[in-house]
Amino acid sequence: MKPEHLRALTNHFQDVRLISLRNWKVAAEIEPRDVGGPYVVLQEGYDPQDLQMRGDEFLLGRSGQWLSTGLFLKLPVELRRAEFVFGTAAEVMKALETLPGRALVWRTGYETSLAPEVSQDELNTAFLFARQNSACGDA
C-alpha cells in the first residue's frame, strides 16, 4: 500500500476489489455460489474518521460496514463466513448498491478471544492466499 495513493474508504464500487475464495477447501459449502465464488470485498484506505489517516485493508460486511482485515483474521470462523463471505458476484453487487453515501467502519462488538491461530484457520489461509494472488492479477 503506497502512502501517496492512500485515501479514505468509500462505498463506491470502483474502489473495491473482489477477492475470489474459490480455492478455499470448503468453498462448495457456501450456497448459493457462482463459478468464481465465494468472494470477499476488499478495499485499501483509511478510516474516514481516523485523523492520523493510517492505511489498512478493509473487508465489507453484509451489514454495510467495513472491518479491518487484522480484526477479520481474529474473528471466529462462523462470524466471518456469515458476515463477510458472499457466495455470488450478484450478492456483492446488491450489497454495494445498498450502501449509504459515507463508508462506516466497524470498530467494536467483535469477540476475538475464541479466535483460532491464523496459521490453523483454513478461511484465513484461503483469504490471505487469494488476496496475494489477486494483487498480482491471478485471482
N, C-alpha and C. Protein backbone atom coordinates (compact mmCIF):
# COMPACT_ATOMS: atom_id res chain seq x y z
N MET A 1 0.85 -1.17 0.00
CA MET A 1 0.00 0.00 0.00
C MET A 1 0.90 1.24 0.00
N LYS A 2 0.83 2.00 -1.04
CA LYS A 2 1.68 3.18 -1.17
C LYS A 2 0.99 4.39 -0.54
N PRO A 3 1.67 5.07 0.40
CA PRO A 3 1.06 6.21 1.10
C PRO A 3 0.57 7.30 0.16
N GLU A 4 1.26 7.51 -0.94
CA GLU A 4 0.85 8.59 -1.86
C GLU A 4 -0.48 8.29 -2.56
N HIS A 5 -0.89 7.03 -2.57
CA HIS A 5 -2.15 6.65 -3.19
C HIS A 5 -3.24 6.39 -2.17
N LEU A 6 -2.93 6.56 -0.90
CA LEU A 6 -3.85 6.27 0.17
C LEU A 6 -4.97 7.30 0.23
N ARG A 7 -6.20 6.80 0.39
CA ARG A 7 -7.33 7.71 0.53
C ARG A 7 -8.35 7.10 1.46
N ALA A 8 -9.29 7.90 1.87
CA ALA A 8 -10.33 7.44 2.79
C ALA A 8 -11.18 6.37 2.13
N LEU A 9 -11.66 5.43 2.94
CA LEU A 9 -12.58 4.42 2.44
C LEU A 9 -13.80 5.08 1.81
N THR A 10 -14.31 4.45 0.79
CA THR A 10 -15.54 4.92 0.16
C THR A 10 -16.49 3.73 0.02
N ASN A 11 -17.68 4.02 -0.39
CA ASN A 11 -18.63 2.96 -0.71
C ASN A 11 -18.85 2.88 -2.21
N HIS A 12 -17.89 3.36 -2.97
CA HIS A 12 -18.00 3.36 -4.43
C HIS A 12 -17.47 2.04 -4.99
N PHE A 13 -18.23 1.43 -5.88
CA PHE A 13 -17.86 0.11 -6.41
C PHE A 13 -16.52 0.10 -7.13
N GLN A 14 -16.10 1.22 -7.69
CA GLN A 14 -14.83 1.26 -8.42
C GLN A 14 -13.62 1.25 -7.50
N ASP A 15 -13.84 1.44 -6.20
CA ASP A 15 -12.73 1.47 -5.25
C ASP A 15 -12.48 0.13 -4.57
N VAL A 16 -13.29 -0.87 -4.86
CA VAL A 16 -13.16 -2.16 -4.18
C VAL A 16 -12.53 -3.21 -5.09
N ARG A 17 -12.02 -4.25 -4.44
CA ARG A 17 -11.51 -5.42 -5.17
C ARG A 17 -12.32 -6.62 -4.73
N LEU A 18 -12.77 -7.37 -5.69
CA LEU A 18 -13.49 -8.61 -5.42
C LEU A 18 -12.45 -9.72 -5.34
N ILE A 19 -12.36 -10.38 -4.19
CA ILE A 19 -11.38 -11.43 -3.97
C ILE A 19 -12.10 -12.78 -3.99
N SER A 20 -11.74 -13.63 -4.92
CA SER A 20 -12.36 -14.94 -5.04
C SER A 20 -11.72 -15.93 -4.07
N LEU A 21 -12.57 -16.64 -3.35
CA LEU A 21 -12.13 -17.69 -2.44
C LEU A 21 -12.46 -19.07 -3.01
N ARG A 22 -12.56 -19.16 -4.32
CA ARG A 22 -12.98 -20.41 -4.96
C ARG A 22 -12.05 -21.59 -4.66
N ASN A 23 -10.81 -21.33 -4.28
CA ASN A 23 -9.87 -22.41 -3.96
C ASN A 23 -9.89 -22.80 -2.48
N TRP A 24 -10.74 -22.16 -1.70
CA TRP A 24 -10.90 -22.48 -0.30
C TRP A 24 -11.44 -23.90 -0.19
N LYS A 25 -10.91 -24.70 0.70
CA LYS A 25 -11.27 -26.12 0.81
C LYS A 25 -12.77 -26.35 1.00
N VAL A 26 -13.45 -25.43 1.66
CA VAL A 26 -14.88 -25.62 1.92
C VAL A 26 -15.75 -24.64 1.11
N ALA A 27 -15.22 -24.14 0.01
CA ALA A 27 -15.98 -23.20 -0.82
C ALA A 27 -17.31 -23.78 -1.28
N ALA A 28 -17.35 -25.08 -1.53
CA ALA A 28 -18.58 -25.72 -2.01
C ALA A 28 -19.69 -25.69 -0.98
N GLU A 29 -19.35 -25.44 0.28
CA GLU A 29 -20.37 -25.36 1.33
C GLU A 29 -21.15 -24.06 1.28
N ILE A 30 -20.63 -23.06 0.60
CA ILE A 30 -21.30 -21.76 0.51
C ILE A 30 -22.36 -21.85 -0.58
N GLU A 31 -23.60 -21.64 -0.20
CA GLU A 31 -24.72 -21.69 -1.15
C GLU A 31 -25.58 -20.47 -0.97
N PRO A 32 -26.07 -19.86 -2.04
CA PRO A 32 -25.69 -20.15 -3.41
C PRO A 32 -24.27 -19.68 -3.68
N ARG A 33 -23.68 -20.23 -4.72
CA ARG A 33 -22.32 -19.89 -5.09
C ARG A 33 -22.22 -19.94 -6.60
N ASP A 34 -21.57 -18.94 -7.20
CA ASP A 34 -21.35 -18.97 -8.64
C ASP A 34 -19.98 -19.57 -8.93
N VAL A 35 -19.61 -19.64 -10.19
CA VAL A 35 -18.37 -20.31 -10.61
C VAL A 35 -17.13 -19.73 -9.95
N GLY A 36 -17.06 -18.43 -9.78
CA GLY A 36 -15.89 -17.79 -9.20
C GLY A 36 -15.94 -17.65 -7.69
N GLY A 37 -17.10 -17.93 -7.10
CA GLY A 37 -17.30 -17.69 -5.68
C GLY A 37 -16.85 -18.83 -4.80
N PRO A 38 -16.87 -18.56 -3.55
CA PRO A 38 -17.33 -17.37 -2.84
C PRO A 38 -16.31 -16.23 -2.90
N TYR A 39 -16.76 -15.06 -2.40
CA TYR A 39 -15.96 -13.84 -2.50
C TYR A 39 -15.93 -13.09 -1.18
N VAL A 40 -14.92 -12.23 -1.05
CA VAL A 40 -14.90 -11.16 -0.06
C VAL A 40 -14.63 -9.88 -0.84
N VAL A 41 -15.06 -8.76 -0.26
CA VAL A 41 -14.89 -7.45 -0.89
C VAL A 41 -13.85 -6.67 -0.10
N LEU A 42 -12.76 -6.30 -0.76
CA LEU A 42 -11.61 -5.67 -0.12
C LEU A 42 -11.41 -4.25 -0.64
N GLN A 43 -10.96 -3.39 0.25
CA GLN A 43 -10.60 -2.02 -0.14
C GLN A 43 -9.43 -1.54 0.71
N GLU A 44 -8.47 -0.90 0.07
CA GLU A 44 -7.35 -0.30 0.78
C GLU A 44 -7.68 1.16 1.03
N GLY A 45 -7.27 1.64 2.18
CA GLY A 45 -7.50 3.04 2.50
C GLY A 45 -7.36 3.26 3.99
N TYR A 46 -8.00 4.31 4.47
CA TYR A 46 -8.00 4.59 5.90
C TYR A 46 -9.42 4.93 6.33
N ASP A 47 -9.68 4.70 7.60
CA ASP A 47 -10.97 5.01 8.20
C ASP A 47 -11.19 6.51 8.04
N PRO A 48 -12.31 6.94 7.46
CA PRO A 48 -12.56 8.37 7.26
C PRO A 48 -12.54 9.17 8.56
N GLN A 49 -12.75 8.51 9.70
CA GLN A 49 -12.74 9.22 10.98
C GLN A 49 -11.39 9.16 11.68
N ASP A 50 -10.39 8.54 11.04
CA ASP A 50 -9.05 8.44 11.61
C ASP A 50 -8.26 9.68 11.23
N LEU A 51 -8.04 10.56 12.20
CA LEU A 51 -7.33 11.81 11.93
C LEU A 51 -5.87 11.59 11.57
N GLN A 52 -5.32 10.42 11.93
CA GLN A 52 -3.94 10.11 11.59
C GLN A 52 -3.83 9.45 10.22
N MET A 53 -4.94 9.12 9.60
CA MET A 53 -5.01 8.53 8.26
C MET A 53 -4.09 7.32 8.10
N ARG A 54 -4.19 6.39 9.05
CA ARG A 54 -3.40 5.16 8.99
C ARG A 54 -3.99 4.22 7.94
N GLY A 55 -3.16 3.82 7.01
CA GLY A 55 -3.59 2.94 5.95
C GLY A 55 -3.83 1.52 6.44
N ASP A 56 -4.80 0.86 5.82
CA ASP A 56 -5.14 -0.51 6.18
C ASP A 56 -5.92 -1.11 5.02
N GLU A 57 -6.21 -2.38 5.15
CA GLU A 57 -7.12 -3.05 4.22
C GLU A 57 -8.38 -3.37 5.00
N PHE A 58 -9.51 -3.21 4.35
CA PHE A 58 -10.80 -3.43 5.00
C PHE A 58 -11.65 -4.36 4.16
N LEU A 59 -12.50 -5.12 4.85
CA LEU A 59 -13.44 -6.02 4.19
C LEU A 59 -14.86 -5.51 4.45
N LEU A 60 -15.70 -5.62 3.44
CA LEU A 60 -17.09 -5.19 3.55
C LEU A 60 -17.93 -6.32 4.12
N GLY A 61 -18.74 -5.97 5.11
CA GLY A 61 -19.67 -6.93 5.70
C GLY A 61 -21.06 -6.76 5.13
N ARG A 62 -21.89 -7.76 5.31
CA ARG A 62 -23.29 -7.69 4.87
C ARG A 62 -24.03 -6.55 5.55
N SER A 63 -23.54 -6.13 6.71
CA SER A 63 -24.13 -5.02 7.45
C SER A 63 -23.93 -3.69 6.74
N GLY A 64 -23.03 -3.67 5.75
CA GLY A 64 -22.70 -2.43 5.06
C GLY A 64 -21.56 -1.69 5.71
N GLN A 65 -20.95 -2.28 6.72
CA GLN A 65 -19.83 -1.67 7.41
C GLN A 65 -18.53 -2.38 7.02
N TRP A 66 -17.44 -1.64 7.11
CA TRP A 66 -16.12 -2.14 6.77
C TRP A 66 -15.39 -2.55 8.04
N LEU A 67 -14.57 -3.60 7.95
CA LEU A 67 -13.80 -4.09 9.07
C LEU A 67 -12.36 -4.27 8.64
N SER A 68 -11.44 -3.86 9.48
CA SER A 68 -10.01 -4.04 9.21
C SER A 68 -9.72 -5.52 9.02
N THR A 69 -8.87 -5.85 8.05
CA THR A 69 -8.53 -7.26 7.82
C THR A 69 -7.84 -7.85 9.05
N GLY A 70 -7.12 -7.05 9.80
CA GLY A 70 -6.49 -7.55 11.02
C GLY A 70 -7.51 -8.07 12.01
N LEU A 71 -8.62 -7.37 12.16
CA LEU A 71 -9.69 -7.84 13.04
C LEU A 71 -10.42 -9.02 12.42
N PHE A 72 -10.62 -8.97 11.11
CA PHE A 72 -11.28 -10.08 10.41
C PHE A 72 -10.57 -11.39 10.68
N LEU A 73 -9.26 -11.38 10.61
CA LEU A 73 -8.47 -12.60 10.79
C LEU A 73 -8.58 -13.17 12.20
N LYS A 74 -9.04 -12.37 13.14
CA LYS A 74 -9.16 -12.81 14.53
C LYS A 74 -10.56 -13.26 14.91
N LEU A 75 -11.53 -13.01 14.05
CA LEU A 75 -12.91 -13.37 14.36
C LEU A 75 -13.13 -14.87 14.27
N PRO A 76 -14.10 -15.38 15.01
CA PRO A 76 -14.47 -16.79 14.84
C PRO A 76 -14.92 -17.06 13.40
N VAL A 77 -14.59 -18.22 12.89
CA VAL A 77 -14.88 -18.59 11.51
C VAL A 77 -16.36 -18.41 11.17
N GLU A 78 -17.24 -18.84 12.06
CA GLU A 78 -18.68 -18.76 11.79
C GLU A 78 -19.13 -17.32 11.54
N LEU A 79 -18.61 -16.40 12.35
CA LEU A 79 -18.96 -14.99 12.17
C LEU A 79 -18.40 -14.45 10.86
N ARG A 80 -17.16 -14.80 10.53
CA ARG A 80 -16.57 -14.34 9.27
C ARG A 80 -17.37 -14.85 8.08
N ARG A 81 -17.72 -16.11 8.11
CA ARG A 81 -18.49 -16.69 7.00
C ARG A 81 -19.84 -16.00 6.85
N ALA A 82 -20.54 -15.82 7.96
CA ALA A 82 -21.88 -15.24 7.91
C ALA A 82 -21.88 -13.78 7.48
N GLU A 83 -20.92 -13.02 7.96
CA GLU A 83 -20.93 -11.57 7.73
C GLU A 83 -20.13 -11.12 6.51
N PHE A 84 -19.04 -11.78 6.17
CA PHE A 84 -18.11 -11.24 5.18
C PHE A 84 -17.95 -12.06 3.90
N VAL A 85 -18.47 -13.28 3.86
CA VAL A 85 -18.31 -14.12 2.69
C VAL A 85 -19.60 -14.10 1.87
N PHE A 86 -19.45 -13.71 0.60
CA PHE A 86 -20.58 -13.65 -0.33
C PHE A 86 -20.44 -14.80 -1.32
N GLY A 87 -21.53 -15.50 -1.60
CA GLY A 87 -21.49 -16.66 -2.48
C GLY A 87 -21.42 -16.33 -3.95
N THR A 88 -22.05 -15.22 -4.34
CA THR A 88 -22.11 -14.87 -5.76
C THR A 88 -21.72 -13.41 -5.97
N ALA A 89 -21.29 -13.12 -7.18
CA ALA A 89 -20.98 -11.73 -7.54
C ALA A 89 -22.25 -10.88 -7.50
N ALA A 90 -23.40 -11.50 -7.80
CA ALA A 90 -24.67 -10.77 -7.74
C ALA A 90 -24.97 -10.31 -6.30
N GLU A 91 -24.65 -11.15 -5.31
CA GLU A 91 -24.81 -10.75 -3.91
C GLU A 91 -23.93 -9.55 -3.58
N VAL A 92 -22.72 -9.57 -4.09
CA VAL A 92 -21.80 -8.47 -3.84
C VAL A 92 -22.36 -7.18 -4.45
N MET A 93 -22.81 -7.25 -5.70
CA MET A 93 -23.36 -6.06 -6.36
C MET A 93 -24.56 -5.51 -5.61
N LYS A 94 -25.42 -6.40 -5.15
CA LYS A 94 -26.60 -5.96 -4.39
C LYS A 94 -26.18 -5.26 -3.11
N ALA A 95 -25.18 -5.83 -2.42
CA ALA A 95 -24.68 -5.21 -1.19
C ALA A 95 -24.09 -3.84 -1.48
N LEU A 96 -23.31 -3.72 -2.55
CA LEU A 96 -22.70 -2.44 -2.90
C LEU A 96 -23.74 -1.39 -3.28
N GLU A 97 -24.82 -1.82 -3.94
CA GLU A 97 -25.88 -0.89 -4.35
C GLU A 97 -26.62 -0.29 -3.17
N THR A 98 -26.67 -1.01 -2.06
CA THR A 98 -27.46 -0.55 -0.91
C THR A 98 -26.63 0.22 0.12
N LEU A 99 -25.35 0.42 -0.14
CA LEU A 99 -24.51 1.13 0.82
C LEU A 99 -24.89 2.60 0.92
N PRO A 100 -24.77 3.17 2.11
CA PRO A 100 -25.02 4.62 2.26
C PRO A 100 -23.92 5.43 1.59
N GLY A 101 -24.06 6.72 1.55
CA GLY A 101 -23.08 7.58 0.90
C GLY A 101 -21.71 7.55 1.54
N ARG A 102 -21.67 7.48 2.86
CA ARG A 102 -20.41 7.50 3.58
C ARG A 102 -20.03 6.12 4.08
N ALA A 103 -18.77 5.77 3.97
CA ALA A 103 -18.29 4.47 4.46
C ALA A 103 -18.28 4.48 5.99
N LEU A 104 -18.78 3.38 6.57
CA LEU A 104 -18.79 3.21 8.02
C LEU A 104 -17.86 2.08 8.38
N VAL A 105 -17.03 2.31 9.39
CA VAL A 105 -16.07 1.30 9.83
C VAL A 105 -16.56 0.71 11.15
N TRP A 106 -16.55 -0.61 11.21
CA TRP A 106 -16.97 -1.33 12.40
C TRP A 106 -15.81 -1.33 13.38
N ARG A 107 -15.99 -0.73 14.53
CA ARG A 107 -14.90 -0.57 15.49
C ARG A 107 -15.01 -1.44 16.72
N THR A 108 -16.23 -1.79 17.12
CA THR A 108 -16.41 -2.55 18.36
C THR A 108 -17.45 -3.64 18.17
N GLY A 109 -17.54 -4.51 19.16
CA GLY A 109 -18.60 -5.51 19.16
C GLY A 109 -18.16 -6.89 18.73
N TYR A 110 -16.91 -7.07 18.38
CA TYR A 110 -16.44 -8.39 17.98
C TYR A 110 -15.69 -9.05 19.12
N GLU A 111 -16.04 -10.27 19.40
CA GLU A 111 -15.35 -11.06 20.42
C GLU A 111 -14.27 -11.87 19.71
N THR A 112 -13.02 -11.65 20.07
CA THR A 112 -11.93 -12.34 19.38
C THR A 112 -11.20 -13.33 20.27
N SER A 113 -11.65 -13.50 21.51
CA SER A 113 -10.91 -14.36 22.43
C SER A 113 -10.93 -15.82 22.02
N LEU A 114 -11.92 -16.25 21.24
CA LEU A 114 -12.01 -17.64 20.81
C LEU A 114 -11.41 -17.86 19.42
N ALA A 115 -10.79 -16.85 18.90
CA ALA A 115 -10.28 -16.93 17.53
C ALA A 115 -9.14 -17.94 17.42
N PRO A 116 -9.12 -18.69 16.33
CA PRO A 116 -8.03 -19.65 16.11
C PRO A 116 -6.75 -18.92 15.70
N GLU A 117 -5.66 -19.64 15.77
CA GLU A 117 -4.40 -19.11 15.26
C GLU A 117 -4.55 -18.94 13.75
N VAL A 118 -4.01 -17.86 13.21
CA VAL A 118 -4.13 -17.58 11.79
C VAL A 118 -3.65 -18.75 10.95
N SER A 119 -2.54 -19.35 11.32
CA SER A 119 -1.97 -20.43 10.53
C SER A 119 -2.82 -21.70 10.57
N GLN A 120 -3.72 -21.84 11.56
CA GLN A 120 -4.53 -23.03 11.71
C GLN A 120 -5.92 -22.86 11.13
N ASP A 121 -6.21 -21.77 10.53
CA ASP A 121 -7.55 -21.44 10.09
C ASP A 121 -7.62 -21.47 8.56
N GLU A 122 -8.40 -22.38 8.01
CA GLU A 122 -8.47 -22.53 6.55
C GLU A 122 -9.04 -21.30 5.85
N LEU A 123 -10.01 -20.61 6.47
CA LEU A 123 -10.56 -19.41 5.84
C LEU A 123 -9.50 -18.32 5.78
N ASN A 124 -8.76 -18.13 6.86
CA ASN A 124 -7.68 -17.13 6.84
C ASN A 124 -6.65 -17.47 5.77
N THR A 125 -6.26 -18.74 5.72
CA THR A 125 -5.27 -19.17 4.74
C THR A 125 -5.76 -18.92 3.33
N ALA A 126 -7.03 -19.27 3.05
CA ALA A 126 -7.60 -19.05 1.72
C ALA A 126 -7.68 -17.57 1.39
N PHE A 127 -8.10 -16.76 2.36
CA PHE A 127 -8.19 -15.31 2.14
C PHE A 127 -6.82 -14.71 1.85
N LEU A 128 -5.84 -15.01 2.69
CA LEU A 128 -4.50 -14.44 2.50
C LEU A 128 -3.89 -14.85 1.16
N PHE A 129 -4.09 -16.11 0.78
CA PHE A 129 -3.58 -16.60 -0.50
C PHE A 129 -4.29 -15.89 -1.66
N ALA A 130 -5.62 -15.79 -1.60
CA ALA A 130 -6.39 -15.17 -2.68
C ALA A 130 -6.06 -13.67 -2.79
N ARG A 131 -5.91 -13.01 -1.66
CA ARG A 131 -5.57 -11.58 -1.67
C ARG A 131 -4.22 -11.37 -2.32
N GLN A 132 -3.25 -12.19 -1.97
CA GLN A 132 -1.91 -12.05 -2.55
C GLN A 132 -1.95 -12.28 -4.05
N ASN A 133 -2.65 -13.31 -4.49
CA ASN A 133 -2.72 -13.62 -5.92
C ASN A 133 -3.56 -12.61 -6.68
N SER A 134 -4.56 -12.04 -6.02
CA SER A 134 -5.38 -11.02 -6.66
C SER A 134 -4.56 -9.77 -6.94
N ALA A 135 -3.66 -9.45 -6.04
CA ALA A 135 -2.80 -8.28 -6.23
C ALA A 135 -1.93 -8.45 -7.46
N CYS A 136 -1.66 -9.70 -7.79
CA CYS A 136 -0.84 -10.00 -8.98
C CYS A 136 -1.70 -10.18 -10.22
N GLY A 137 -3.05 -10.13 -10.05
CA GLY A 137 -3.94 -10.29 -11.18
C GLY A 137 -4.27 -11.72 -11.50
N ASP A 138 -3.96 -12.67 -10.59
CA ASP A 138 -4.20 -14.08 -10.87
C ASP A 138 -5.52 -14.62 -10.37
N ALA A 139 -6.20 -13.92 -9.48
CA ALA A 139 -7.44 -14.46 -8.90
C ALA A 139 -8.66 -13.83 -9.48
